[in-house]
Amino acid sequence: MIRTLAAIGLAMAVPATAQHTRSLGTGTSPPASIDQLAWLAGSWVGTGMGSDVTETYSAPLGGRITGHFAMADGKGGVSFTELVDYVPLRGSLAYRVRHFSPDMTGWEDGTGKPVIFPLVAVEKDRWFFDGMTIERTSPSALTMWVRITEKGTTNEVPFRLVRTRSVAR
């Protein structure tokens, strides 16, 4: 019984930093500059949610970094795509995304607005946005953690990517 209580107490004592994503809540985003994410520029490939994924980012231009993401459907096609950008927001940064079905129908068409993830914190090689984290695991690798809620269950899902060179075919 004492061991069980000790294990429960230890589990409850795990700091919030053990979580891969964070929420801004009523807090304020920290000061940040788009140049802090300039290392993202280029093409990345990897896996997430059991599928192959690709993500490509521009170098900072006009105060923002713009990119696109695609996830394979496992049958030779694409499950969905995203248009994304990192933009200045009240002296800090935000990650904005719009999702599209393979026929380019926008998931957010009902609102006409992107999903916005304000910056929560920056800790060394980790950028915590509200519900999404970028972790630079090496100069040529990163993990993006995304908080996804489906059917009342919330999970933090990793997307592990490595830098690649785009090659024209």
C-alpha atoms as a PDB file:
ATOM      1  CA  MET A   1       0.000   0.000   0.000  1.00  0.00           C
ATOM      2  CA  ILE A   2       2.796   2.425   0.892  1.00  0.00           C
ATOM      3  CA  ARG A   3       4.600   1.599  -2.368  1.00  0.00           C
ATOM      4  CA  THR A   4       1.412   2.266  -4.324  1.00  0.00           C
ATOM      5  CA  LEU A   5       0.919   5.626  -2.592  1.00  0.00           C
ATOM      6  CA  ALA A   6       4.578   6.502  -3.177  1.00  0.00           C
ATOM      7  CA  ALA A   7       4.237   5.651  -6.879  1.00  0.00           C
ATOM      8  CA  ILE A   8       1.102   7.785  -7.179  1.00  0.00           C
ATOM      9  CA  GLY A   9       2.825  10.646  -5.344  1.00  0.00           C
ATOM     10  CA  LEU A  10       5.846  10.379  -7.629  1.00  0.00           C
ATOM     11  CA  ALA A  11       3.654  10.398 -10.726  1.00  0.00           C
ATOM     12  CA  MET A  12       1.827  13.486  -9.481  1.00  0.00           C
ATOM     13  CA  ALA A  13       5.136  15.223  -8.740  1.00  0.00           C
ATOM     14  CA  VAL A  14       6.361  14.971 -12.336  1.00  0.00           C
ATOM     15  CA  PRO A  15       6.889  18.575 -13.482  1.00  0.00           C
ATOM     16  CA  ALA A  16       4.829  20.104 -16.276  1.00  0.00           C
ATOM     17  CA  THR A  17       7.974  20.184 -18.418  1.00  0.00           C
ATOM     18  CA  ALA A  18       7.612  16.402 -18.827  1.00  0.00           C
ATOM     19  CA  GLN A  19       4.639  17.148 -21.073  1.00  0.00           C
ATOM     20  CA  HIS A  20       5.463  17.662 -24.709  1.00  0.00           C
ATOM     21  CA  THR A  21       2.899  20.415 -25.295  1.00  0.00           C
ATOM     22  CA  ARG A  22       1.735  23.311 -23.176  1.00  0.00           C
ATOM     23  CA  SER A  23      -1.164  25.726 -22.984  1.00  0.00           C
ATOM     24  CA  LEU A  24      -0.943  29.496 -22.724  1.00  0.00           C
ATOM     25  CA  GLY A  25      -4.023  29.757 -20.525  1.00  0.00           C
ATOM     26  CA  THR A  26      -4.224  33.278 -19.138  1.00  0.00           C
ATOM     27  CA  GLY A  27      -0.473  33.788 -19.528  1.00  0.00           C
ATOM     28  CA  THR A  28       1.355  36.089 -21.895  1.00  0.00           C
ATOM     29  CA  SER A  29       3.489  34.979 -24.834  1.00  0.00           C
ATOM     30  CA  PRO A  30       7.224  35.626 -24.344  1.00  0.00           C
ATOM     31  CA  PRO A  31       9.123  38.070 -26.563  1.00  0.00           C
ATOM     32  CA  ALA A  32      10.338  36.295 -29.705  1.00  0.00           C
ATOM     33  CA  SER A  33      11.524  37.033 -33.229  1.00  0.00           C
ATOM     34  CA  ILE A  34      10.873  35.162 -36.466  1.00  0.00           C
ATOM     35  CA  ASP A  35      14.654  34.913 -36.957  1.00  0.00           C
ATOM     36  CA  GLN A  36      14.786  32.469 -34.014  1.00  0.00           C
ATOM     37  CA  LEU A  37      13.042  29.920 -36.266  1.00  0.00           C
ATOM     38  CA  ALA A  38      15.084  30.610 -39.427  1.00  0.00           C
ATOM     39  CA  TRP A  39      16.731  27.178 -38.998  1.00  0.00           C
ATOM     40  CA  LEU A  40      13.411  25.596 -40.111  1.00  0.00           C
ATOM     41  CA  ALA A  41      13.955  26.753 -43.721  1.00  0.00           C
ATOM     42  CA  GLY A  42      14.148  23.816 -46.109  1.00  0.00           C
ATOM     43  CA  SER A  43      12.493  20.467 -46.660  1.00  0.00           C
ATOM     44  CA  TRP A  44      11.798  17.833 -44.020  1.00  0.00           C
ATOM     45  CA  VAL A  45      10.513  14.244 -44.301  1.00  0.00           C
ATOM     46  CA  GLY A  46       9.483  11.724 -41.692  1.00  0.00           C
ATOM     47  CA  THR A  47       6.564   9.984 -40.048  1.00  0.00           C
ATOM     48  CA  GLY A  48       3.606  10.883 -37.883  1.00  0.00           C
ATOM     49  CA  MET A  49       0.401   9.088 -36.931  1.00  0.00           C
ATOM     50  CA  GLY A  50       1.716   5.974 -38.710  1.00  0.00           C
ATOM     51  CA  SER A  51       2.089   7.723 -42.072  1.00  0.00           C
ATOM     52  CA  ASP A  52       4.817   9.313 -44.160  1.00  0.00           C
ATOM     53  CA  VAL A  53       4.853  13.105 -43.957  1.00  0.00           C
ATOM     54  CA  THR A  54       6.686  15.968 -45.633  1.00  0.00           C
ATOM     55  CA  GLU A  55       7.031  19.588 -44.581  1.00  0.00           C
ATOM     56  CA  THR A  56       8.768  22.474 -46.347  1.00  0.00           C
ATOM     57  CA  TYR A  57       9.462  25.985 -45.012  1.00  0.00           C
ATOM     58  CA  SER A  58      10.632  29.205 -46.625  1.00  0.00           C
ATOM     59  CA  ALA A  59      13.393  31.338 -45.201  1.00  0.00           C
ATOM     60  CA  PRO A  60      12.015  34.317 -43.250  1.00  0.00           C
ATOM     61  CA  LEU A  61      10.412  36.741 -45.707  1.00  0.00           C
ATOM     62  CA  GLY A  62       8.353  39.785 -44.850  1.00  0.00           C
ATOM     63  CA  GLY A  63       8.483  38.951 -41.157  1.00  0.00           C
ATOM     64  CA  ARG A  64       7.098  35.433 -41.505  1.00  0.00           C
ATOM     65  CA  ILE A  65       8.043  31.860 -42.377  1.00  0.00           C
ATOM     66  CA  THR A  66       5.591  30.113 -44.688  1.00  0.00           C
ATOM     67  CA  GLY A  67       5.349  26.398 -45.309  1.00  0.00           C
ATOM     68  CA  HIS A  68       3.268  23.448 -46.336  1.00  0.00           C
ATOM     69  CA  PHE A  69       2.728  19.960 -44.938  1.00  0.00           C
ATOM     70  CA  ALA A  70       1.382  16.764 -46.517  1.00  0.00           C
ATOM     71  CA  MET A  71       0.508  13.379 -45.003  1.00  0.00           C
ATOM     72  CA  ALA A  72       0.391  10.214 -47.110  1.00  0.00           C
ATOM     73  CA  ASP A  73      -2.735   8.068 -46.966  1.00  0.00           C
ATOM     74  CA  GLY A  74      -0.866   4.747 -47.262  1.00  0.00           C
ATOM     75  CA  LYS A  75      -2.496   3.991 -50.634  1.00  0.00           C
ATOM     76  CA  GLY A  76      -0.315   6.117 -52.906  1.00  0.00           C
ATOM     77  CA  GLY A  77      -2.203   9.347 -52.266  1.00  0.00           C
ATOM     78  CA  VAL A  78      -2.379  12.177 -49.781  1.00  0.00           C
ATOM     79  CA  SER A  79      -4.606  12.117 -46.690  1.00  0.00           C
ATOM     80  CA  PHE A  80      -4.530  15.893 -46.146  1.00  0.00           C
ATOM     81  CA  THR A  81      -2.343  18.962 -46.567  1.00  0.00           C
ATOM     82  CA  GLU A  82      -1.724  22.096 -44.539  1.00  0.00           C
ATOM     83  CA  LEU A  83      -0.684  25.635 -45.362  1.00  0.00           C
ATOM     84  CA  VAL A  84       1.211  27.015 -42.363  1.00  0.00           C
ATOM     85  CA  ASP A  85       3.054  30.110 -41.281  1.00  0.00           C
ATOM     86  CA  TYR A  86       4.898  31.488 -38.298  1.00  0.00           C
ATOM     87  CA  VAL A  87       3.999  35.137 -37.814  1.00  0.00           C
ATOM     88  CA  PRO A  88       4.656  37.973 -35.362  1.00  0.00           C
ATOM     89  CA  LEU A  89       1.892  38.375 -32.774  1.00  0.00           C
ATOM     90  CA  ARG A  90       1.978  41.097 -30.086  1.00  0.00           C
ATOM     91  CA  GLY A  91       5.786  41.118 -29.760  1.00  0.00           C
ATOM     92  CA  SER A  92       5.958  37.330 -29.872  1.00  0.00           C
ATOM     93  CA  LEU A  93       5.167  34.611 -32.431  1.00  0.00           C
ATOM     94  CA  ALA A  94       2.253  32.415 -33.430  1.00  0.00           C
ATOM     95  CA  TYR A  95       1.913  29.321 -35.596  1.00  0.00           C
ATOM     96  CA  ARG A  96      -1.069  29.487 -37.964  1.00  0.00           C
ATOM     97  CA  VAL A  97      -2.453  26.581 -39.986  1.00  0.00           C
ATOM     98  CA  ARG A  98      -5.211  25.817 -42.481  1.00  0.00           C
ATOM     99  CA  HIS A  99      -6.012  22.169 -43.299  1.00  0.00           C
ATOM    100  CA  PHE A 100      -7.174  20.874 -46.680  1.00  0.00           C
ATOM    101  CA  SER A 101      -8.668  17.597 -47.895  1.00  0.00           C
ATOM    102  CA  PRO A 102      -7.101  16.035 -51.023  1.00  0.00           C
ATOM    103  CA  ASP A 103      -9.646  17.902 -53.185  1.00  0.00           C
ATOM    104  CA  MET A 104      -8.482  21.203 -51.561  1.00  0.00           C
ATOM    105  CA  THR A 105     -11.658  21.618 -49.500  1.00  0.00           C
ATOM    106  CA  GLY A 106     -10.627  23.665 -46.474  1.00  0.00           C
ATOM    107  CA  TRP A 107     -11.428  22.189 -43.082  1.00  0.00           C
ATOM    108  CA  GLU A 108     -11.719  25.678 -41.615  1.00  0.00           C
ATOM    109  CA  ASP A 109     -13.900  27.033 -44.444  1.00  0.00           C
ATOM    110  CA  GLY A 110     -16.814  27.503 -42.040  1.00  0.00           C
ATOM    111  CA  THR A 111     -14.882  30.155 -40.138  1.00  0.00           C
ATOM    112  CA  GLY A 112     -12.616  31.378 -42.926  1.00  0.00           C
ATOM    113  CA  LYS A 113      -9.856  31.663 -40.327  1.00  0.00           C
ATOM    114  CA  PRO A 114      -6.749  29.629 -39.570  1.00  0.00           C
ATOM    115  CA  VAL A 115      -6.160  27.738 -36.351  1.00  0.00           C
ATOM    116  CA  ILE A 116      -3.744  29.886 -34.306  1.00  0.00           C
ATOM    117  CA  PHE A 117      -1.226  28.554 -31.774  1.00  0.00           C
ATOM    118  CA  PRO A 118       0.376  31.446 -29.791  1.00  0.00           C
ATOM    119  CA  LEU A 119       3.905  30.953 -28.455  1.00  0.00           C
ATOM    120  CA  VAL A 120       3.920  29.810 -24.814  1.00  0.00           C
ATOM    121  CA  ALA A 121       7.647  29.422 -24.060  1.00  0.00           C
ATOM    122  CA  VAL A 122      11.091  28.920 -25.581  1.00  0.00           C
ATOM    123  CA  GLU A 123      13.533  26.606 -23.813  1.00  0.00           C
ATOM    124  CA  LYS A 124      16.837  25.977 -25.543  1.00  0.00           C
ATOM    125  CA  ASP A 125      15.871  23.900 -28.619  1.00  0.00           C
ATOM    126  CA  ARG A 126      12.140  23.733 -27.901  1.00  0.00           C
ATOM    127  CA  TRP A 127       9.473  26.191 -29.002  1.00  0.00           C
ATOM    128  CA  PHE A 128       6.212  25.616 -27.146  1.00  0.00           C
ATOM    129  CA  PHE A 129       3.161  26.918 -28.955  1.00  0.00           C
ATOM    130  CA  ASP A 130      -0.300  26.496 -27.408  1.00  0.00           C
ATOM    131  CA  GLY A 131      -0.950  22.818 -28.240  1.00  0.00           C
ATOM    132  CA  MET A 132       2.053  22.280 -30.546  1.00  0.00           C
ATOM    133  CA  THR A 133       5.774  22.034 -29.812  1.00  0.00           C
ATOM    134  CA  ILE A 134       8.794  22.074 -32.114  1.00  0.00           C
ATOM    135  CA  GLU A 135      11.796  20.290 -30.645  1.00  0.00           C
ATOM    136  CA  ARG A 136      15.056  20.607 -32.567  1.00  0.00           C
ATOM    137  CA  THR A 137      16.712  17.289 -31.749  1.00  0.00           C
ATOM    138  CA  SER A 138      19.806  17.925 -33.924  1.00  0.00           C
ATOM    139  CA  PRO A 139      20.794  20.344 -36.720  1.00  0.00           C
ATOM    140  CA  SER A 140      19.119  17.957 -39.173  1.00  0.00           C
ATOM    141  CA  ALA A 141      16.220  16.513 -37.145  1.00  0.00           C
ATOM    142  CA  LEU A 142      13.149  17.733 -35.305  1.00  0.00           C
ATOM    143  CA  THR A 143      10.083  16.405 -33.556  1.00  0.00           C
ATOM    144  CA  MET A 144       6.799  18.270 -33.695  1.00  0.00           C
ATOM    145  CA  TRP A 145       4.399  17.349 -30.909  1.00  0.00           C
ATOM    146  CA  VAL A 146       0.753  18.134 -31.608  1.00  0.00           C
ATOM    147  CA  ARG A 147      -2.050  17.902 -29.057  1.00  0.00           C
ATOM    148  CA  ILE A 148      -4.980  16.201 -30.798  1.00  0.00           C
ATOM    149  CA  THR A 149      -8.404  15.600 -29.274  1.00  0.00           C
ATOM    150  CA  GLU A 150     -10.641  12.995 -30.900  1.00  0.00           C
ATOM    151  CA  LYS A 151     -13.831  11.546 -29.440  1.00  0.00           C
ATOM    152  CA  GLY A 152     -13.135  13.159 -26.070  1.00  0.00           C
ATOM    153  CA  THR A 153      -9.606  11.748 -25.763  1.00  0.00           C
ATOM    154  CA  THR A 154      -6.562  14.025 -25.927  1.00  0.00           C
ATOM    155  CA  ASN A 155      -3.140  12.738 -27.006  1.00  0.00           C
ATOM    156  CA  GLU A 156       0.213  14.325 -27.772  1.00  0.00           C
ATOM    157  CA  VAL A 157       1.218  12.962 -31.168  1.00  0.00           C
ATOM    158  CA  PRO A 158       4.856  13.088 -32.368  1.00  0.00           C
ATOM    159  CA  PHE A 159       5.848  13.877 -35.942  1.00  0.00           C
ATOM    160  CA  ARG A 160       9.544  12.980 -36.351  1.00  0.00           C
ATOM    161  CA  LEU A 161      11.285  14.575 -39.315  1.00  0.00           C
ATOM    162  CA  VAL A 162      14.771  14.838 -40.795  1.00  0.00           C
ATOM    163  CA  ARG A 163      16.107  17.531 -43.078  1.00  0.00           C
ATOM    164  CA  THR A 164      16.371  16.535 -46.714  1.00  0.00           C
ATOM    165  CA  ARG A 165      17.429  18.157 -49.930  1.00  0.00           C
ATOM    166  CA  SER A 166      14.744  18.746 -52.503  1.00  0.00           C
ATOM    167  CA  VAL A 167      15.665  17.103 -55.775  1.00  0.00           C
ATOM    168  CA  ALA A 168      13.913  17.915 -59.041  1.00  0.00           C
ATOM    169  CA  ARG A 169      12.798  14.840 -60.933  1.00  0.00           C
END
